């Protein structure tokens, strides 16, 4: 290894040692966004943990479907990490993956053919064919909402416009906080988690009713009241 490479490796190591998100959290708007994003993600994590626990006694999901549901949660958590650091394109890519895994979990619980299907568009078609996805909340079906959020995330990950491009050419540019991009991510998380949790309330409410009280209270606290009311009144 020549000196030029070795010196750069040492400088990068020192950068990582001193890496801090303090500047981001000192911004009141970022902190406000963080609390909203955390609340939504926490609700999804609680839901998955309850499903995993219930699955030990009642087969709620088959093994492969549960694996993909877990992967959907993992995608969301990794997306949170990327967003906090200002890696917005990576954060959106992981949200997209979360939707793909959610669809595979739900569809795969009835049709295991989805586990070998490679086409995302075909998987969406399989989802839209299920009655569960056709149920409407606030005048939009789950199929339409999830497809819309997925399409919006695709614009970011495929760099549809110059505004979607990050141009991070050096790691010293991270962490960063961009209010517009952060707000777009927050809106995506809200739409996504509300759809995920709402889907279960509309289609498998018994899962939520079997939860420990503090966990079911968390789900109802995370979901907007107008969403809950619309589902319950159907």
C-alpha atoms as a PDB file:
ATOM      1  CA  UNK A   1       0.000   0.000   0.000  1.00  0.00           C
ATOM      2  CA  UNK A   2       1.496   3.358  -0.988  1.00  0.00           C
ATOM      3  CA  UNK A   3       1.641   6.343   1.358  1.00  0.00           C
ATOM      4  CA  UNK A   4      -1.148   8.195  -0.478  1.00  0.00           C
ATOM      5  CA  UNK A   5      -3.644   5.383   0.117  1.00  0.00           C
ATOM      6  CA  UNK A   6      -2.442   4.751   3.673  1.00  0.00           C
ATOM      7  CA  UNK A   7      -2.734   8.434   4.625  1.00  0.00           C
ATOM      8  CA  UNK A   8      -6.264   8.644   3.247  1.00  0.00           C
ATOM      9  CA  UNK A   9      -7.240   5.489   5.168  1.00  0.00           C
ATOM     10  CA  UNK A  10      -5.924   7.052   8.374  1.00  0.00           C
ATOM     11  CA  UNK A  11      -7.781  10.312   7.771  1.00  0.00           C
ATOM     12  CA  UNK A  12     -10.991   8.424   7.082  1.00  0.00           C
ATOM     13  CA  UNK A  13     -10.517   6.383  10.265  1.00  0.00           C
ATOM     14  CA  UNK A  14     -10.189   9.574  12.316  1.00  0.00           C
ATOM     15  CA  UNK A  15     -13.323  10.928  10.659  1.00  0.00           C
ATOM     16  CA  UNK A  16     -15.284   7.850  11.683  1.00  0.00           C
ATOM     17  CA  UNK A  17     -13.934   8.033  15.236  1.00  0.00           C
ATOM     18  CA  UNK A  18     -15.211  11.579  15.629  1.00  0.00           C
ATOM     19  CA  UNK A  19     -18.470  11.041  13.713  1.00  0.00           C
ATOM     20  CA  UNK A  20     -21.421  12.676  15.465  1.00  0.00           C
ATOM     21  CA  UNK A  21     -25.091  13.406  14.793  1.00  0.00           C
ATOM     22  CA  UNK A  22     -25.193  16.149  17.409  1.00  0.00           C
ATOM     23  CA  UNK A  23     -25.513  18.943  14.846  1.00  0.00           C
ATOM     24  CA  UNK A  24     -28.582  17.295  13.311  1.00  0.00           C
ATOM     25  CA  UNK A  25     -30.301  16.864  16.671  1.00  0.00           C
ATOM     26  CA  UNK A  26     -29.513  20.455  17.627  1.00  0.00           C
ATOM     27  CA  UNK A  27     -31.881  21.510  14.840  1.00  0.00           C
ATOM     28  CA  UNK A  28     -35.378  21.760  16.347  1.00  0.00           C
ATOM     29  CA  UNK A  29     -37.105  20.919  13.049  1.00  0.00           C
ATOM     30  CA  UNK A  30     -35.032  17.763  12.662  1.00  0.00           C
ATOM     31  CA  UNK A  31     -35.856  16.736  16.229  1.00  0.00           C
ATOM     32  CA  UNK A  32     -39.537  17.308  15.528  1.00  0.00           C
ATOM     33  CA  UNK A  33     -39.341  15.145  12.377  1.00  0.00           C
ATOM     34  CA  UNK A  34     -37.402  12.480  14.263  1.00  0.00           C
ATOM     35  CA  UNK A  35     -40.078  12.118  16.951  1.00  0.00           C
ATOM     36  CA  UNK A  36     -42.800  11.664  14.331  1.00  0.00           C
ATOM     37  CA  UNK A  37     -40.761   9.161  12.332  1.00  0.00           C
ATOM     38  CA  UNK A  38     -39.776   7.234  15.471  1.00  0.00           C
ATOM     39  CA  UNK A  39     -43.384   6.973  16.636  1.00  0.00           C
ATOM     40  CA  UNK A  40     -44.509   5.449  13.344  1.00  0.00           C
ATOM     41  CA  UNK A  41     -41.613   3.007  13.123  1.00  0.00           C
ATOM     42  CA  UNK A  42     -42.003   1.979  16.761  1.00  0.00           C
ATOM     43  CA  UNK A  43     -45.615   1.065  16.054  1.00  0.00           C
ATOM     44  CA  UNK A  44     -44.598  -1.222  13.189  1.00  0.00           C
ATOM     45  CA  UNK A  45     -41.906  -2.852  15.320  1.00  0.00           C
ATOM     46  CA  UNK A  46     -44.415  -3.507  18.123  1.00  0.00           C
ATOM     47  CA  UNK A  47     -46.824  -5.056  15.626  1.00  0.00           C
ATOM     48  CA  UNK A  48     -44.194  -7.409  14.238  1.00  0.00           C
ATOM     49  CA  UNK A  49     -42.946  -8.477  17.687  1.00  0.00           C
ATOM     50  CA  UNK A  50     -46.505  -9.301  18.724  1.00  0.00           C
ATOM     51  CA  UNK A  51     -47.130 -11.290  15.539  1.00  0.00           C
ATOM     52  CA  UNK A  52     -43.897 -13.224  16.047  1.00  0.00           C
ATOM     53  CA  UNK A  53     -44.877 -13.997  19.640  1.00  0.00           C
ATOM     54  CA  UNK A  54     -48.459 -14.971  18.762  1.00  0.00           C
ATOM     55  CA  UNK A  55     -47.174 -17.163  15.956  1.00  0.00           C
ATOM     56  CA  UNK A  56     -45.691 -19.513  18.559  1.00  0.00           C
ATOM     57  CA  UNK A  57     -49.189 -20.571  19.616  1.00  0.00           C
ATOM     58  CA  UNK A  58     -51.387 -19.648  16.639  1.00  0.00           C
ATOM     59  CA  UNK A  59     -50.138 -19.882  13.073  1.00  0.00           C
ATOM     60  CA  UNK A  60     -50.739 -16.311  11.958  1.00  0.00           C
ATOM     61  CA  UNK A  61     -48.066 -16.440   9.257  1.00  0.00           C
ATOM     62  CA  UNK A  62     -46.270 -19.341   7.643  1.00  0.00           C
ATOM     63  CA  UNK A  63     -42.505 -19.438   8.128  1.00  0.00           C
ATOM     64  CA  UNK A  64     -41.564 -17.804   4.815  1.00  0.00           C
ATOM     65  CA  UNK A  65     -44.214 -15.115   5.126  1.00  0.00           C
ATOM     66  CA  UNK A  66     -43.076 -14.272   8.649  1.00  0.00           C
ATOM     67  CA  UNK A  67     -39.490 -14.054   7.374  1.00  0.00           C
ATOM     68  CA  UNK A  68     -40.481 -11.431   4.803  1.00  0.00           C
ATOM     69  CA  UNK A  69     -42.517  -9.487   7.354  1.00  0.00           C
ATOM     70  CA  UNK A  70     -39.450  -9.420   9.588  1.00  0.00           C
ATOM     71  CA  UNK A  71     -37.345  -8.276   6.638  1.00  0.00           C
ATOM     72  CA  UNK A  72     -39.849  -5.484   5.990  1.00  0.00           C
ATOM     73  CA  UNK A  73     -39.333  -4.256   9.555  1.00  0.00           C
ATOM     74  CA  UNK A  74     -35.556  -4.596   9.162  1.00  0.00           C
ATOM     75  CA  UNK A  75     -35.702  -2.489   5.992  1.00  0.00           C
ATOM     76  CA  UNK A  76     -37.599   0.219   7.882  1.00  0.00           C
ATOM     77  CA  UNK A  77     -35.086   0.275  10.740  1.00  0.00           C
ATOM     78  CA  UNK A  78     -32.119   0.477   8.359  1.00  0.00           C
ATOM     79  CA  UNK A  79     -33.964   3.215   6.480  1.00  0.00           C
ATOM     80  CA  UNK A  80     -34.260   5.167   9.730  1.00  0.00           C
ATOM     81  CA  UNK A  81     -30.489   4.906  10.207  1.00  0.00           C
ATOM     82  CA  UNK A  82     -29.832   6.170   6.672  1.00  0.00           C
ATOM     83  CA  UNK A  83     -32.316   9.040   7.071  1.00  0.00           C
ATOM     84  CA  UNK A  84     -30.854  10.221  10.380  1.00  0.00           C
ATOM     85  CA  UNK A  85     -27.466  10.456   8.675  1.00  0.00           C
ATOM     86  CA  UNK A  86     -28.860  12.328   5.688  1.00  0.00           C
ATOM     87  CA  UNK A  87     -28.448   9.485   3.182  1.00  0.00           C
ATOM     88  CA  UNK A  88     -31.897  10.160   1.760  1.00  0.00           C
ATOM     89  CA  UNK A  89     -31.607   8.168  -1.445  1.00  0.00           C
ATOM     90  CA  UNK A  90     -30.510   5.081   0.506  1.00  0.00           C
ATOM     91  CA  UNK A  91     -33.328   5.657   2.990  1.00  0.00           C
ATOM     92  CA  UNK A  92     -35.899   5.728   0.181  1.00  0.00           C
ATOM     93  CA  UNK A  93     -34.441   2.616  -1.436  1.00  0.00           C
ATOM     94  CA  UNK A  94     -34.890   0.738   1.845  1.00  0.00           C
ATOM     95  CA  UNK A  95     -38.476   1.955   2.206  1.00  0.00           C
ATOM     96  CA  UNK A  96     -39.146   0.592  -1.253  1.00  0.00           C
ATOM     97  CA  UNK A  97     -37.700  -2.756  -0.219  1.00  0.00           C
ATOM     98  CA  UNK A  98     -39.913  -2.700   2.879  1.00  0.00           C
ATOM     99  CA  UNK A  99     -43.020  -2.471   0.696  1.00  0.00           C
ATOM    100  CA  UNK A 100     -41.798  -5.345  -1.478  1.00  0.00           C
ATOM    101  CA  UNK A 101     -41.238  -7.543   1.566  1.00  0.00           C
ATOM    102  CA  UNK A 102     -44.568  -6.549   3.107  1.00  0.00           C
ATOM    103  CA  UNK A 103     -46.349  -7.594  -0.084  1.00  0.00           C
ATOM    104  CA  UNK A 104     -44.492 -10.907  -0.178  1.00  0.00           C
ATOM    105  CA  UNK A 105     -45.431 -11.577   3.454  1.00  0.00           C
ATOM    106  CA  UNK A 106     -49.128 -10.899   2.938  1.00  0.00           C
ATOM    107  CA  UNK A 107     -49.443 -12.642  -0.433  1.00  0.00           C
ATOM    108  CA  UNK A 108     -47.139 -15.510   0.555  1.00  0.00           C
ATOM    109  CA  UNK A 109     -49.359 -16.387   3.467  1.00  0.00           C
ATOM    110  CA  UNK A 110     -51.894 -17.542   0.866  1.00  0.00           C
ATOM    111  CA  UNK A 111     -49.875 -18.087  -2.299  1.00  0.00           C
ATOM    112  CA  UNK A 112     -46.275 -19.289  -1.932  1.00  0.00           C
ATOM    113  CA  UNK A 113     -45.642 -18.676  -5.642  1.00  0.00           C
ATOM    114  CA  UNK A 114     -44.859 -15.074  -4.728  1.00  0.00           C
ATOM    115  CA  UNK A 115     -41.632 -16.171  -3.056  1.00  0.00           C
ATOM    116  CA  UNK A 116     -40.128 -17.105  -6.415  1.00  0.00           C
ATOM    117  CA  UNK A 117     -41.642 -14.228  -8.382  1.00  0.00           C
ATOM    118  CA  UNK A 118     -38.970 -11.734  -9.506  1.00  0.00           C
ATOM    119  CA  UNK A 119     -41.148  -9.062 -11.123  1.00  0.00           C
ATOM    120  CA  UNK A 120     -42.172  -6.296  -8.729  1.00  0.00           C
ATOM    121  CA  UNK A 121     -45.030  -5.354 -11.048  1.00  0.00           C
ATOM    122  CA  UNK A 122     -46.306  -8.926 -11.047  1.00  0.00           C
ATOM    123  CA  UNK A 123     -46.184  -8.965  -7.255  1.00  0.00           C
ATOM    124  CA  UNK A 124     -48.243  -5.781  -7.148  1.00  0.00           C
ATOM    125  CA  UNK A 125     -50.741  -7.412  -9.503  1.00  0.00           C
ATOM    126  CA  UNK A 126     -50.942 -10.400  -7.148  1.00  0.00           C
ATOM    127  CA  UNK A 127     -51.523  -8.032  -4.228  1.00  0.00           C
ATOM    128  CA  UNK A 128     -54.225  -6.074  -6.019  1.00  0.00           C
ATOM    129  CA  UNK A 129     -56.066  -9.324  -6.738  1.00  0.00           C
ATOM    130  CA  UNK A 130     -56.512 -10.026  -3.020  1.00  0.00           C
ATOM    131  CA  UNK A 131     -59.700  -8.727  -1.335  1.00  0.00           C
ATOM    132  CA  UNK A 132     -57.640  -7.543   1.640  1.00  0.00           C
ATOM    133  CA  UNK A 133     -55.808  -5.012  -0.519  1.00  0.00           C
ATOM    134  CA  UNK A 134     -59.052  -3.736  -2.032  1.00  0.00           C
ATOM    135  CA  UNK A 135     -60.459  -2.501   1.273  1.00  0.00           C
ATOM    136  CA  UNK A 136     -60.589   1.283   1.325  1.00  0.00           C
ATOM    137  CA  UNK A 137     -59.480   3.691   4.026  1.00  0.00           C
ATOM    138  CA  UNK A 138     -60.239   7.373   3.534  1.00  0.00           C
ATOM    139  CA  UNK A 139     -61.374   6.609  -0.028  1.00  0.00           C
ATOM    140  CA  UNK A 140     -58.164   4.859  -1.077  1.00  0.00           C
ATOM    141  CA  UNK A 141     -57.578   1.121  -1.171  1.00  0.00           C
ATOM    142  CA  UNK A 142     -54.438  -0.295   0.427  1.00  0.00           C
ATOM    143  CA  UNK A 143     -53.341  -1.438  -3.031  1.00  0.00           C
ATOM    144  CA  UNK A 144     -53.581   2.101  -4.432  1.00  0.00           C
ATOM    145  CA  UNK A 145     -51.869   3.727  -1.447  1.00  0.00           C
ATOM    146  CA  UNK A 146     -48.935   1.314  -1.340  1.00  0.00           C
ATOM    147  CA  UNK A 147     -48.465   1.494  -5.100  1.00  0.00           C
ATOM    148  CA  UNK A 148     -48.517   5.302  -4.970  1.00  0.00           C
ATOM    149  CA  UNK A 149     -45.895   5.469  -2.207  1.00  0.00           C
ATOM    150  CA  UNK A 150     -43.777   2.900  -4.052  1.00  0.00           C
ATOM    151  CA  UNK A 151     -43.935   4.954  -7.269  1.00  0.00           C
ATOM    152  CA  UNK A 152     -42.882   8.111  -5.418  1.00  0.00           C
ATOM    153  CA  UNK A 153     -39.944   6.298  -3.847  1.00  0.00           C
ATOM    154  CA  UNK A 154     -38.926   5.012  -7.271  1.00  0.00           C
ATOM    155  CA  UNK A 155     -38.526   8.598  -8.486  1.00  0.00           C
ATOM    156  CA  UNK A 156     -35.932   9.193  -5.798  1.00  0.00           C
ATOM    157  CA  UNK A 157     -34.024   5.942  -6.183  1.00  0.00           C
ATOM    158  CA  UNK A 158     -33.977   6.248  -9.992  1.00  0.00           C
ATOM    159  CA  UNK A 159     -32.874   9.922  -9.795  1.00  0.00           C
ATOM    160  CA  UNK A 160     -35.775  11.123 -11.931  1.00  0.00           C
ATOM    161  CA  UNK A 161     -34.778  14.788 -11.591  1.00  0.00           C
ATOM    162  CA  UNK A 162     -31.734  16.759 -10.490  1.00  0.00           C
ATOM    163  CA  UNK A 163     -33.547  17.457  -7.218  1.00  0.00           C
ATOM    164  CA  UNK A 164     -33.493  13.727  -6.472  1.00  0.00           C
ATOM    165  CA  UNK A 165     -29.712  13.442  -6.887  1.00  0.00           C
ATOM    166  CA  UNK A 166     -27.522  13.668  -3.809  1.00  0.00           C
ATOM    167  CA  UNK A 167     -24.017  13.854  -5.292  1.00  0.00           C
ATOM    168  CA  UNK A 168     -22.270  12.652  -2.138  1.00  0.00           C
ATOM    169  CA  UNK A 169     -18.702  12.428  -3.427  1.00  0.00           C
ATOM    170  CA  UNK A 170     -16.995  12.412  -0.029  1.00  0.00           C
ATOM    171  CA  UNK A 171     -18.087  10.891   3.262  1.00  0.00           C
ATOM    172  CA  UNK A 172     -17.206  14.122   5.040  1.00  0.00           C
ATOM    173  CA  UNK A 173     -20.431  15.507   3.553  1.00  0.00           C
ATOM    174  CA  UNK A 174     -22.282  13.272   6.026  1.00  0.00           C
ATOM    175  CA  UNK A 175     -24.071  13.587   8.350  1.00  0.00           C
ATOM    176  CA  UNK A 176     -26.280  16.236   6.833  1.00  0.00           C
ATOM    177  CA  UNK A 177     -29.827  17.528   7.196  1.00  0.00           C
ATOM    178  CA  UNK A 178     -31.909  18.830   4.324  1.00  0.00           C
ATOM    179  CA  UNK A 179     -35.336  20.052   5.415  1.00  0.00           C
ATOM    180  CA  UNK A 180     -37.104  19.350   2.135  1.00  0.00           C
ATOM    181  CA  UNK A 181     -35.729  15.837   1.680  1.00  0.00           C
ATOM    182  CA  UNK A 182     -36.265  15.055   5.352  1.00  0.00           C
ATOM    183  CA  UNK A 183     -39.875  16.191   5.119  1.00  0.00           C
ATOM    184  CA  UNK A 184     -40.469  14.016   2.046  1.00  0.00           C
ATOM    185  CA  UNK A 185     -39.084  11.008   3.913  1.00  0.00           C
ATOM    186  CA  UNK A 186     -41.289  11.779   6.928  1.00  0.00           C
ATOM    187  CA  UNK A 187     -44.364  11.928   4.692  1.00  0.00           C
ATOM    188  CA  UNK A 188     -43.415   8.601   3.092  1.00  0.00           C
ATOM    189  CA  UNK A 189     -43.015   6.957   6.507  1.00  0.00           C
ATOM    190  CA  UNK A 190     -46.372   8.295   7.684  1.00  0.00           C
ATOM    191  CA  UNK A 191     -48.199   7.013   4.597  1.00  0.00           C
ATOM    192  CA  UNK A 192     -46.368   3.693   4.681  1.00  0.00           C
ATOM    193  CA  UNK A 193     -46.741   2.790   8.359  1.00  0.00           C
ATOM    194  CA  UNK A 194     -50.355   3.982   8.476  1.00  0.00           C
ATOM    195  CA  UNK A 195     -51.036   1.634   5.547  1.00  0.00           C
ATOM    196  CA  UNK A 196     -49.179  -1.295   7.128  1.00  0.00           C
ATOM    197  CA  UNK A 197     -50.886  -0.949  10.512  1.00  0.00           C
ATOM    198  CA  UNK A 198     -54.232  -0.047   8.954  1.00  0.00           C
ATOM    199  CA  UNK A 199     -54.032  -3.139   6.758  1.00  0.00           C
ATOM    200  CA  UNK A 200     -53.847  -5.383   9.828  1.00  0.00           C
ATOM    201  CA  UNK A 201     -56.590  -3.513  11.680  1.00  0.00           C
ATOM    202  CA  UNK A 202     -58.872  -3.813   8.653  1.00  0.00           C
ATOM    203  CA  UNK A 203     -58.076  -7.436   7.833  1.00  0.00           C
ATOM    204  CA  UNK A 204     -56.694  -9.150  10.925  1.00  0.00           C
ATOM    205  CA  UNK A 205     -57.943  -7.106  13.845  1.00  0.00           C
ATOM    206  CA  UNK A 206     -57.819 -10.199  16.046  1.00  0.00           C
ATOM    207  CA  UNK A 207     -54.012  -9.900  16.073  1.00  0.00           C
ATOM    208  CA  UNK A 208     -54.279  -6.466  17.648  1.00  0.00           C
ATOM    209  CA  UNK A 209     -57.000  -7.532  20.073  1.00  0.00           C
ATOM    210  CA  UNK A 210     -54.808 -10.415  21.313  1.00  0.00           C
ATOM    211  CA  UNK A 211     -51.917  -8.091  22.101  1.00  0.00           C
ATOM    212  CA  UNK A 212     -50.747  -7.063  25.539  1.00  0.00           C
ATOM    213  CA  UNK A 213     -52.730  -3.965  26.481  1.00  0.00           C
ATOM    214  CA  UNK A 214     -49.808  -1.536  26.289  1.00  0.00           C
ATOM    215  CA  UNK A 215     -48.923  -2.846  22.826  1.00  0.00           C
ATOM    216  CA  UNK A 216     -52.446  -2.589  21.427  1.00  0.00           C
ATOM    217  CA  UNK A 217     -52.668   0.903  22.957  1.00  0.00           C
ATOM    218  CA  UNK A 218     -49.467   1.746  21.076  1.00  0.00           C
ATOM    219  CA  UNK A 219     -50.971   0.651  17.752  1.00  0.00           C
ATOM    220  CA  UNK A 220     -54.073   2.774  18.334  1.00  0.00           C
ATOM    221  CA  UNK A 221     -51.900   5.696  19.394  1.00  0.00           C
ATOM    222  CA  UNK A 222     -49.748   5.476  16.261  1.00  0.00           C
ATOM    223  CA  UNK A 223     -52.671   5.197  13.827  1.00  0.00           C
ATOM    224  CA  UNK A 224     -54.511   8.489  13.154  1.00  0.00           C
ATOM    225  CA  UNK A 225     -57.982   8.622  14.671  1.00  0.00           C
ATOM    226  CA  UNK A 226     -59.682   9.271  11.330  1.00  0.00           C
ATOM    227  CA  UNK A 227     -58.049   6.118   9.928  1.00  0.00           C
ATOM    228  CA  UNK A 228     -59.170   4.023  12.909  1.00  0.00           C
ATOM    229  CA  UNK A 229     -62.688   5.435  12.742  1.00  0.00           C
ATOM    230  CA  UNK A 230     -62.993   4.755   9.024  1.00  0.00           C
ATOM    231  CA  UNK A 231     -61.821   1.149   9.417  1.00  0.00           C
ATOM    232  CA  UNK A 232     -63.940   0.379  12.476  1.00  0.00           C
ATOM    233  CA  UNK A 233     -67.082   1.837  10.902  1.00  0.00           C
ATOM    234  CA  UNK A 234     -66.850  -0.331   7.771  1.00  0.00           C
END
